[in-house]
Amino acid sequence: MAFMELKYGHIYGGTPWKKVVNDASILIYKPETDEMRIYTKQFRGDLQIVLSNGISDDLGITVGRKFEVLDMGTQRRVLYNENFELPRNVETRKKKEADKIKLQLNQFMTGVMKYQEVDTLVTFGGSRDVTLCKQAGVRFNRNLKIVDTQRLLQRYTKHLFSLNMISQIVNYEYEFGWIRSNNCEFHIKERTQPQMRSNTATFDVCRQFLAHREFTDYQQSMIIKAALQMQKVQGILKEREAAKNV
């Protein structure tokens, strides 16, 4: 069983519709031994892309978005200017560079999936992630089962939870090389720990992994916690709306 997380953005100064993957992580979990292993890859190229990350409050409610520009050559962040536009000929050249990133993604995904003989691929709201892999030429086995934990939760709770909010519900935390939730804990190997930073593919693949484990092994408890969280969130949103009308 594999859990996949991709991070991507669009070419800075170019069309927002062409996505470029800059960070990928695959977490392999073997239920028979309760062991997990993480593969991660940061892609490099002569490109600057715009990254957009959600900002949430203590309840996991999204309250805004943060935009920043990543230089995929140096891996440094630079200031974002929403009015910046690339000349047409430069944008065309950058699109060709983006195609080279697709090759890197293809090699990474294909290599891990084949080596680990993955039969189930799990994402969290990752339909675009799967599409980006296919656009990069990744050929998934026709017998591969693709599972979306976000959609599974929606089926039971009638609510589409963000990863930030579901992380609050399962009480996700990372410290001293360990990831923990209400009922689960796993050790992160030292070579992977430097990647465990907010808004990285590695950090978020761990969050969705524990969310899936909680849903799979402690489903009733998780659904109750999710319902209680939604009651609290709806109450807070009503209070905020009332405050606006005062």
C-alpha atoms as a PDB file:
ATOM      1  CA  MET A   1       0.000   0.000   0.000  1.00  0.00           C
ATOM      2  CA  ALA A   2       1.360   3.406  -1.013  1.00  0.00           C
ATOM      3  CA  PHE A   3       0.349   6.907   0.049  1.00  0.00           C
ATOM      4  CA  MET A   4       1.181   9.693  -2.414  1.00  0.00           C
ATOM      5  CA  GLU A   5       1.527  13.450  -1.997  1.00  0.00           C
ATOM      6  CA  LEU A   6       2.638  15.959  -4.638  1.00  0.00           C
ATOM      7  CA  LYS A   7       3.378  19.662  -4.265  1.00  0.00           C
ATOM      8  CA  TYR A   8       3.084  21.833  -7.347  1.00  0.00           C
ATOM      9  CA  GLY A   9       2.601  25.346  -8.642  1.00  0.00           C
ATOM     10  CA  HIS A  10       2.369  27.241 -11.911  1.00  0.00           C
ATOM     11  CA  ILE A  11       5.136  28.993 -13.830  1.00  0.00           C
ATOM     12  CA  TYR A  12       5.756  32.415 -12.284  1.00  0.00           C
ATOM     13  CA  GLY A  13       4.497  35.053 -14.703  1.00  0.00           C
ATOM     14  CA  GLY A  14       2.856  32.425 -16.925  1.00  0.00           C
ATOM     15  CA  THR A  15      -0.494  30.695 -17.288  1.00  0.00           C
ATOM     16  CA  PRO A  16      -1.902  29.368 -13.979  1.00  0.00           C
ATOM     17  CA  TRP A  17      -3.296  26.283 -15.707  1.00  0.00           C
ATOM     18  CA  LYS A  18       0.019  24.556 -16.393  1.00  0.00           C
ATOM     19  CA  LYS A  19       1.080  22.893 -13.142  1.00  0.00           C
ATOM     20  CA  VAL A  20       4.680  21.963 -12.360  1.00  0.00           C
ATOM     21  CA  VAL A  21       5.482  19.426  -9.611  1.00  0.00           C
ATOM     22  CA  ASN A  22       8.360  20.492  -7.360  1.00  0.00           C
ATOM     23  CA  ASP A  23       8.109  17.955  -4.518  1.00  0.00           C
ATOM     24  CA  ALA A  24       6.852  14.360  -4.329  1.00  0.00           C
ATOM     25  CA  SER A  25       6.626  11.833  -1.544  1.00  0.00           C
ATOM     26  CA  ILE A  26       5.485   8.207  -1.433  1.00  0.00           C
ATOM     27  CA  LEU A  27       4.934   6.455   1.888  1.00  0.00           C
ATOM     28  CA  ILE A  28       4.959   2.670   1.685  1.00  0.00           C
ATOM     29  CA  TYR A  29       3.013   0.867   4.394  1.00  0.00           C
ATOM     30  CA  LYS A  30       3.052  -2.892   4.932  1.00  0.00           C
ATOM     31  CA  PRO A  31       0.046  -3.869   7.110  1.00  0.00           C
ATOM     32  CA  GLU A  32       1.372  -7.373   7.708  1.00  0.00           C
ATOM     33  CA  THR A  33       4.413  -6.013   9.589  1.00  0.00           C
ATOM     34  CA  ASP A  34       3.041  -2.547  10.504  1.00  0.00           C
ATOM     35  CA  GLU A  35       6.143  -0.977   8.950  1.00  0.00           C
ATOM     36  CA  MET A  36       6.398   2.145   6.838  1.00  0.00           C
ATOM     37  CA  ARG A  37       9.049   3.711   4.630  1.00  0.00           C
ATOM     38  CA  ILE A  38       9.116   7.091   2.912  1.00  0.00           C
ATOM     39  CA  TYR A  39      10.565   7.944  -0.505  1.00  0.00           C
ATOM     40  CA  THR A  40      10.865  11.631  -1.323  1.00  0.00           C
ATOM     41  CA  LYS A  41      12.135  13.651  -4.272  1.00  0.00           C
ATOM     42  CA  GLN A  42      12.556  17.373  -4.927  1.00  0.00           C
ATOM     43  CA  PHE A  43      12.669  18.259  -8.603  1.00  0.00           C
ATOM     44  CA  ARG A  44      15.048  20.834 -10.049  1.00  0.00           C
ATOM     45  CA  GLY A  45      15.038  22.904 -13.195  1.00  0.00           C
ATOM     46  CA  ASP A  46      15.517  26.378 -14.646  1.00  0.00           C
ATOM     47  CA  LEU A  47      12.106  27.507 -13.423  1.00  0.00           C
ATOM     48  CA  GLN A  48      10.397  29.693 -10.887  1.00  0.00           C
ATOM     49  CA  ILE A  49       6.934  28.557  -9.810  1.00  0.00           C
ATOM     50  CA  VAL A  50       4.200  30.057  -7.640  1.00  0.00           C
ATOM     51  CA  LEU A  51       3.261  27.946  -4.606  1.00  0.00           C
ATOM     52  CA  SER A  52      -0.061  28.464  -2.838  1.00  0.00           C
ATOM     53  CA  ASN A  53      -0.546  27.138   0.696  1.00  0.00           C
ATOM     54  CA  GLY A  54      -3.662  27.359   2.833  1.00  0.00           C
ATOM     55  CA  ILE A  55      -3.538  29.200   6.163  1.00  0.00           C
ATOM     56  CA  SER A  56      -5.734  27.692   8.875  1.00  0.00           C
ATOM     57  CA  ASP A  57      -6.667  28.596  12.445  1.00  0.00           C
ATOM     58  CA  ASP A  58      -6.566  26.389  15.554  1.00  0.00           C
ATOM     59  CA  LEU A  59      -9.719  24.525  14.462  1.00  0.00           C
ATOM     60  CA  GLY A  60      -8.366  23.791  11.010  1.00  0.00           C
ATOM     61  CA  ILE A  61     -10.624  26.347   9.315  1.00  0.00           C
ATOM     62  CA  THR A  62      -8.990  27.832   6.228  1.00  0.00           C
ATOM     63  CA  VAL A  63      -8.724  31.595   6.752  1.00  0.00           C
ATOM     64  CA  GLY A  64      -6.509  32.560   3.819  1.00  0.00           C
ATOM     65  CA  ARG A  65      -3.760  31.571   1.432  1.00  0.00           C
ATOM     66  CA  LYS A  66      -0.055  32.334   1.271  1.00  0.00           C
ATOM     67  CA  PHE A  67       1.637  32.767  -2.102  1.00  0.00           C
ATOM     68  CA  GLU A  68       5.370  32.471  -2.570  1.00  0.00           C
ATOM     69  CA  VAL A  69       7.750  31.902  -5.461  1.00  0.00           C
ATOM     70  CA  LEU A  70      10.117  28.913  -5.491  1.00  0.00           C
ATOM     71  CA  ASP A  71      13.253  28.939  -7.610  1.00  0.00           C
ATOM     72  CA  MET A  72      13.502  25.281  -8.639  1.00  0.00           C
ATOM     73  CA  GLY A  73      17.186  25.673  -9.448  1.00  0.00           C
ATOM     74  CA  THR A  74      18.362  26.996  -6.088  1.00  0.00           C
ATOM     75  CA  GLN A  75      15.349  25.793  -4.007  1.00  0.00           C
ATOM     76  CA  ARG A  76      15.145  29.297  -2.530  1.00  0.00           C
ATOM     77  CA  ARG A  77      12.005  31.363  -2.008  1.00  0.00           C
ATOM     78  CA  VAL A  78      11.700  34.811  -3.584  1.00  0.00           C
ATOM     79  CA  LEU A  79       9.078  37.561  -3.234  1.00  0.00           C
ATOM     80  CA  TYR A  80       5.811  37.098  -5.123  1.00  0.00           C
ATOM     81  CA  ASN A  81       4.471  39.870  -7.353  1.00  0.00           C
ATOM     82  CA  GLU A  82       0.989  39.138  -8.688  1.00  0.00           C
ATOM     83  CA  ASN A  83       1.479  41.600 -11.566  1.00  0.00           C
ATOM     84  CA  PHE A  84       4.650  39.950 -12.898  1.00  0.00           C
ATOM     85  CA  GLU A  85       4.347  38.557 -16.449  1.00  0.00           C
ATOM     86  CA  LEU A  86       6.868  36.673 -18.567  1.00  0.00           C
ATOM     87  CA  PRO A  87       7.446  37.714 -22.195  1.00  0.00           C
ATOM     88  CA  ARG A  88       5.736  35.240 -24.549  1.00  0.00           C
ATOM     89  CA  ASN A  89       9.004  33.778 -25.883  1.00  0.00           C
ATOM     90  CA  VAL A  90      10.383  33.283 -22.357  1.00  0.00           C
ATOM     91  CA  GLU A  91       7.162  31.576 -21.210  1.00  0.00           C
ATOM     92  CA  THR A  92       7.407  29.181 -24.150  1.00  0.00           C
ATOM     93  CA  ARG A  93      10.965  28.306 -23.139  1.00  0.00           C
ATOM     94  CA  LYS A  94       9.909  27.788 -19.526  1.00  0.00           C
ATOM     95  CA  LYS A  95       7.120  25.430 -20.612  1.00  0.00           C
ATOM     96  CA  LYS A  96       9.714  23.261 -22.333  1.00  0.00           C
ATOM     97  CA  GLU A  97      11.725  23.250 -19.101  1.00  0.00           C
ATOM     98  CA  ALA A  98       8.564  22.169 -17.264  1.00  0.00           C
ATOM     99  CA  ASP A  99       8.311  19.173 -19.578  1.00  0.00           C
ATOM    100  CA  LYS A 100      11.739  18.054 -18.329  1.00  0.00           C
ATOM    101  CA  ILE A 101      10.330  18.041 -14.790  1.00  0.00           C
ATOM    102  CA  LYS A 102       7.662  15.608 -15.982  1.00  0.00           C
ATOM    103  CA  LEU A 103      10.399  13.170 -16.942  1.00  0.00           C
ATOM    104  CA  GLN A 104      11.901  13.408 -13.448  1.00  0.00           C
ATOM    105  CA  LEU A 105       8.473  12.774 -11.896  1.00  0.00           C
ATOM    106  CA  ASN A 106       7.885   9.794 -14.192  1.00  0.00           C
ATOM    107  CA  GLN A 107      11.203   8.218 -13.260  1.00  0.00           C
ATOM    108  CA  PHE A 108      10.609   8.715  -9.528  1.00  0.00           C
ATOM    109  CA  MET A 109       7.041   7.415  -9.452  1.00  0.00           C
ATOM    110  CA  THR A 110       7.644   4.493 -11.803  1.00  0.00           C
ATOM    111  CA  GLY A 111      10.781   3.434  -9.960  1.00  0.00           C
ATOM    112  CA  VAL A 112       9.154   3.339  -6.519  1.00  0.00           C
ATOM    113  CA  MET A 113       5.869   1.799  -7.665  1.00  0.00           C
ATOM    114  CA  LYS A 114       7.589  -1.025  -9.524  1.00  0.00           C
ATOM    115  CA  TYR A 115      10.195  -1.724  -6.842  1.00  0.00           C
ATOM    116  CA  GLN A 116       7.578  -1.891  -4.091  1.00  0.00           C
ATOM    117  CA  GLU A 117       5.001  -3.721  -6.264  1.00  0.00           C
ATOM    118  CA  VAL A 118       2.246  -1.358  -5.125  1.00  0.00           C
ATOM    119  CA  ASP A 119      -1.310  -2.697  -5.462  1.00  0.00           C
ATOM    120  CA  THR A 120      -3.156   0.151  -3.678  1.00  0.00           C
ATOM    121  CA  LEU A 121      -2.473   3.898  -4.028  1.00  0.00           C
ATOM    122  CA  VAL A 122      -3.976   6.209  -1.402  1.00  0.00           C
ATOM    123  CA  THR A 123      -4.330   9.985  -1.685  1.00  0.00           C
ATOM    124  CA  PHE A 124      -6.153  12.716   0.230  1.00  0.00           C
ATOM    125  CA  GLY A 125      -8.113  14.788  -2.258  1.00  0.00           C
ATOM    126  CA  GLY A 126      -5.454  13.785  -4.754  1.00  0.00           C
ATOM    127  CA  SER A 127      -7.304  13.471  -8.055  1.00  0.00           C
ATOM    128  CA  ARG A 128      -5.098  16.202  -9.538  1.00  0.00           C
ATOM    129  CA  ASP A 129      -2.000  14.410  -8.202  1.00  0.00           C
ATOM    130  CA  VAL A 130      -3.012  11.280 -10.102  1.00  0.00           C
ATOM    131  CA  THR A 131      -3.739  13.343 -13.225  1.00  0.00           C
ATOM    132  CA  LEU A 132      -0.336  15.066 -13.051  1.00  0.00           C
ATOM    133  CA  CYS A 133       1.350  11.649 -12.816  1.00  0.00           C
ATOM    134  CA  LYS A 134      -0.521  10.414 -15.875  1.00  0.00           C
ATOM    135  CA  GLN A 135       0.346  13.594 -17.775  1.00  0.00           C
ATOM    136  CA  ALA A 136       3.992  12.917 -16.914  1.00  0.00           C
ATOM    137  CA  GLY A 137       3.706   9.511 -18.558  1.00  0.00           C
ATOM    138  CA  VAL A 138       3.370   7.378 -15.427  1.00  0.00           C
ATOM    139  CA  ARG A 139       1.585   4.168 -16.398  1.00  0.00           C
ATOM    140  CA  PHE A 140      -0.286   2.799 -13.430  1.00  0.00           C
ATOM    141  CA  ASN A 141      -1.017  -0.913 -13.385  1.00  0.00           C
ATOM    142  CA  ARG A 142      -4.564  -1.480 -14.645  1.00  0.00           C
ATOM    143  CA  ASN A 143      -5.247  -3.543 -11.514  1.00  0.00           C
ATOM    144  CA  LEU A 144      -4.059  -0.731  -9.222  1.00  0.00           C
ATOM    145  CA  LYS A 145      -6.695   0.298  -6.672  1.00  0.00           C
ATOM    146  CA  ILE A 146      -6.783   4.068  -6.105  1.00  0.00           C
ATOM    147  CA  VAL A 147      -8.337   5.244  -2.822  1.00  0.00           C
ATOM    148  CA  ASP A 148      -9.134   8.836  -1.777  1.00  0.00           C
ATOM    149  CA  THR A 149      -9.390   9.111   2.027  1.00  0.00           C
ATOM    150  CA  GLN A 150     -11.015  12.538   1.769  1.00  0.00           C
ATOM    151  CA  ARG A 151     -13.864  11.068  -0.297  1.00  0.00           C
ATOM    152  CA  LEU A 152     -14.227   8.099   2.056  1.00  0.00           C
ATOM    153  CA  LEU A 153     -14.669  10.487   4.969  1.00  0.00           C
ATOM    154  CA  GLN A 154     -17.169  12.540   2.989  1.00  0.00           C
ATOM    155  CA  ARG A 155     -19.248   9.431   2.351  1.00  0.00           C
ATOM    156  CA  TYR A 156     -19.616   8.846   6.106  1.00  0.00           C
ATOM    157  CA  THR A 157     -19.745  12.425   7.410  1.00  0.00           C
ATOM    158  CA  LYS A 158     -21.310  14.346   4.476  1.00  0.00           C
ATOM    159  CA  HIS A 159     -18.506  16.894   4.792  1.00  0.00           C
ATOM    160  CA  LEU A 160     -15.400  17.471   2.676  1.00  0.00           C
ATOM    161  CA  PHE A 161     -12.618  17.884   5.238  1.00  0.00           C
ATOM    162  CA  SER A 162      -9.355  19.635   4.443  1.00  0.00           C
ATOM    163  CA  LEU A 163      -6.124  17.928   5.451  1.00  0.00           C
ATOM    164  CA  ASN A 164      -5.547  20.702   7.987  1.00  0.00           C
ATOM    165  CA  MET A 165      -8.884  20.071   9.683  1.00  0.00           C
ATOM    166  CA  ILE A 166      -8.632  16.290   9.640  1.00  0.00           C
ATOM    167  CA  SER A 167      -5.174  16.617  11.190  1.00  0.00           C
ATOM    168  CA  GLN A 168      -6.816  18.493  14.067  1.00  0.00           C
ATOM    169  CA  ILE A 169      -9.446  15.776  14.428  1.00  0.00           C
ATOM    170  CA  VAL A 170      -6.938  12.904  14.627  1.00  0.00           C
ATOM    171  CA  ASN A 171      -4.666  15.042  16.851  1.00  0.00           C
ATOM    172  CA  TYR A 172      -1.683  14.721  14.495  1.00  0.00           C
ATOM    173  CA  GLU A 173       1.694  15.787  15.809  1.00  0.00           C
ATOM    174  CA  TYR A 174       5.336  15.382  14.888  1.00  0.00           C
ATOM    175  CA  GLU A 175       8.166  15.690  17.384  1.00  0.00           C
ATOM    176  CA  PHE A 176      11.528  14.114  18.077  1.00  0.00           C
ATOM    177  CA  GLY A 177      11.345  11.894  14.994  1.00  0.00           C
ATOM    178  CA  TRP A 178       7.871  10.471  15.731  1.00  0.00           C
ATOM    179  CA  ILE A 179       4.504  11.061  14.058  1.00  0.00           C
ATOM    180  CA  ARG A 180       1.502  10.498  16.315  1.00  0.00           C
ATOM    181  CA  SER A 181      -2.282  10.644  16.221  1.00  0.00           C
ATOM    182  CA  ASN A 182      -5.003   9.640  18.686  1.00  0.00           C
ATOM    183  CA  ASN A 183      -4.253   5.921  18.380  1.00  0.00           C
ATOM    184  CA  CYS A 184      -1.167   5.522  16.183  1.00  0.00           C
ATOM    185  CA  GLU A 185       2.519   6.351  16.219  1.00  0.00           C
ATOM    186  CA  PHE A 186       5.392   5.670  13.827  1.00  0.00           C
ATOM    187  CA  HIS A 187       9.068   6.550  13.829  1.00  0.00           C
ATOM    188  CA  ILE A 188      10.513   8.627  10.987  1.00  0.00           C
ATOM    189  CA  LYS A 189      14.010   7.575   9.946  1.00  0.00           C
ATOM    190  CA  GLU A 190      16.755  10.134  10.477  1.00  0.00           C
ATOM    191  CA  ARG A 191      17.494  10.596   6.772  1.00  0.00           C
ATOM    192  CA  THR A 192      13.855  11.635   6.216  1.00  0.00           C
ATOM    193  CA  GLN A 193      13.485  13.925   9.226  1.00  0.00           C
ATOM    194  CA  PRO A 194      14.997  17.027   7.514  1.00  0.00           C
ATOM    195  CA  GLN A 195      12.040  16.880   5.066  1.00  0.00           C
ATOM    196  CA  MET A 196       9.481  16.995   7.886  1.00  0.00           C
ATOM    197  CA  ARG A 197       8.566  20.661   7.508  1.00  0.00           C
ATOM    198  CA  SER A 198       5.147  22.248   7.023  1.00  0.00           C
ATOM    199  CA  ASN A 199       3.913  22.384   3.418  1.00  0.00           C
ATOM    200  CA  THR A 200       6.337  19.708   2.194  1.00  0.00           C
ATOM    201  CA  ALA A 201       5.131  16.548   0.456  1.00  0.00           C
ATOM    202  CA  THR A 202       6.793  14.424   3.143  1.00  0.00           C
ATOM    203  CA  PHE A 203       5.049  16.220   6.011  1.00  0.00           C
ATOM    204  CA  ASP A 204       1.638  16.012   4.354  1.00  0.00           C
ATOM    205  CA  VAL A 205       1.954  12.389   3.230  1.00  0.00           C
ATOM    206  CA  CYS A 206       2.519  11.524   6.902  1.00  0.00           C
ATOM    207  CA  ARG A 207      -0.574  13.488   7.894  1.00  0.00           C
ATOM    208  CA  GLN A 208      -2.778  11.739   5.355  1.00  0.00           C
ATOM    209  CA  PHE A 209      -1.270   8.351   6.293  1.00  0.00           C
ATOM    210  CA  LEU A 210      -2.265   8.693   9.957  1.00  0.00           C
ATOM    211  CA  ALA A 211      -5.688  10.045   8.968  1.00  0.00           C
ATOM    212  CA  HIS A 212      -6.204   6.912   6.876  1.00  0.00           C
ATOM    213  CA  ARG A 213      -4.993   4.630   9.673  1.00  0.00           C
ATOM    214  CA  GLU A 214      -7.391   6.263  12.137  1.00  0.00           C
ATOM    215  CA  PHE A 215     -10.261   5.914   9.666  1.00  0.00           C
ATOM    216  CA  THR A 216      -9.414   2.294   8.855  1.00  0.00           C
ATOM    217  CA  ASP A 217      -8.725   0.974  12.357  1.00  0.00           C
ATOM    218  CA  TYR A 218     -10.776   3.321  14.571  1.00  0.00           C
ATOM    219  CA  GLN A 219     -13.544   4.374  12.218  1.00  0.00           C
ATOM    220  CA  GLN A 220     -16.426   4.860  14.672  1.00  0.00           C
ATOM    221  CA  SER A 221     -14.299   6.909  17.057  1.00  0.00           C
ATOM    222  CA  MET A 222     -12.996   9.074  14.236  1.00  0.00           C
ATOM    223  CA  ILE A 223     -16.451   9.739  12.778  1.00  0.00           C
ATOM    224  CA  ILE A 224     -17.741  10.831  16.191  1.00  0.00           C
ATOM    225  CA  LYS A 225     -14.748  13.177  16.637  1.00  0.00           C
ATOM    226  CA  ALA A 226     -15.310  14.563  13.131  1.00  0.00           C
ATOM    227  CA  ALA A 227     -18.997  15.249  13.900  1.00  0.00           C
ATOM    228  CA  LEU A 228     -18.106  17.019  17.148  1.00  0.00           C
ATOM    229  CA  GLN A 229     -15.455  19.085  15.354  1.00  0.00           C
ATOM    230  CA  MET A 230     -17.973  20.153  12.707  1.00  0.00           C
ATOM    231  CA  GLN A 231     -20.459  21.245  15.369  1.00  0.00           C
ATOM    232  CA  LYS A 232     -17.751  23.365  16.940  1.00  0.00           C
ATOM    233  CA  VAL A 233     -16.666  24.792  13.577  1.00  0.00           C
ATOM    234  CA  GLN A 234     -20.229  25.646  12.543  1.00  0.00           C
ATOM    235  CA  GLY A 235     -20.762  27.411  15.868  1.00  0.00           C
ATOM    236  CA  ILE A 236     -17.583  29.468  15.419  1.00  0.00           C
ATOM    237  CA  LEU A 237     -18.524  30.387  11.839  1.00  0.00           C
ATOM    238  CA  LYS A 238     -21.973  31.556  12.978  1.00  0.00           C
ATOM    239  CA  GLU A 239     -20.391  33.709  15.684  1.00  0.00           C
ATOM    240  CA  ARG A 240     -17.991  35.253  13.161  1.00  0.00           C
ATOM    241  CA  GLU A 241     -20.827  35.958  10.723  1.00  0.00           C
ATOM    242  CA  ALA A 242     -22.900  37.554  13.481  1.00  0.00           C
ATOM    243  CA  ALA A 243     -19.946  39.725  14.498  1.00  0.00           C
ATOM    244  CA  LYS A 244     -19.663  41.029  10.933  1.00  0.00           C
ATOM    245  CA  ASN A 245     -23.294  42.167  10.963  1.00  0.00           C
ATOM    246  CA  VAL A 246     -23.021  44.061  14.237  1.00  0.00           C
END
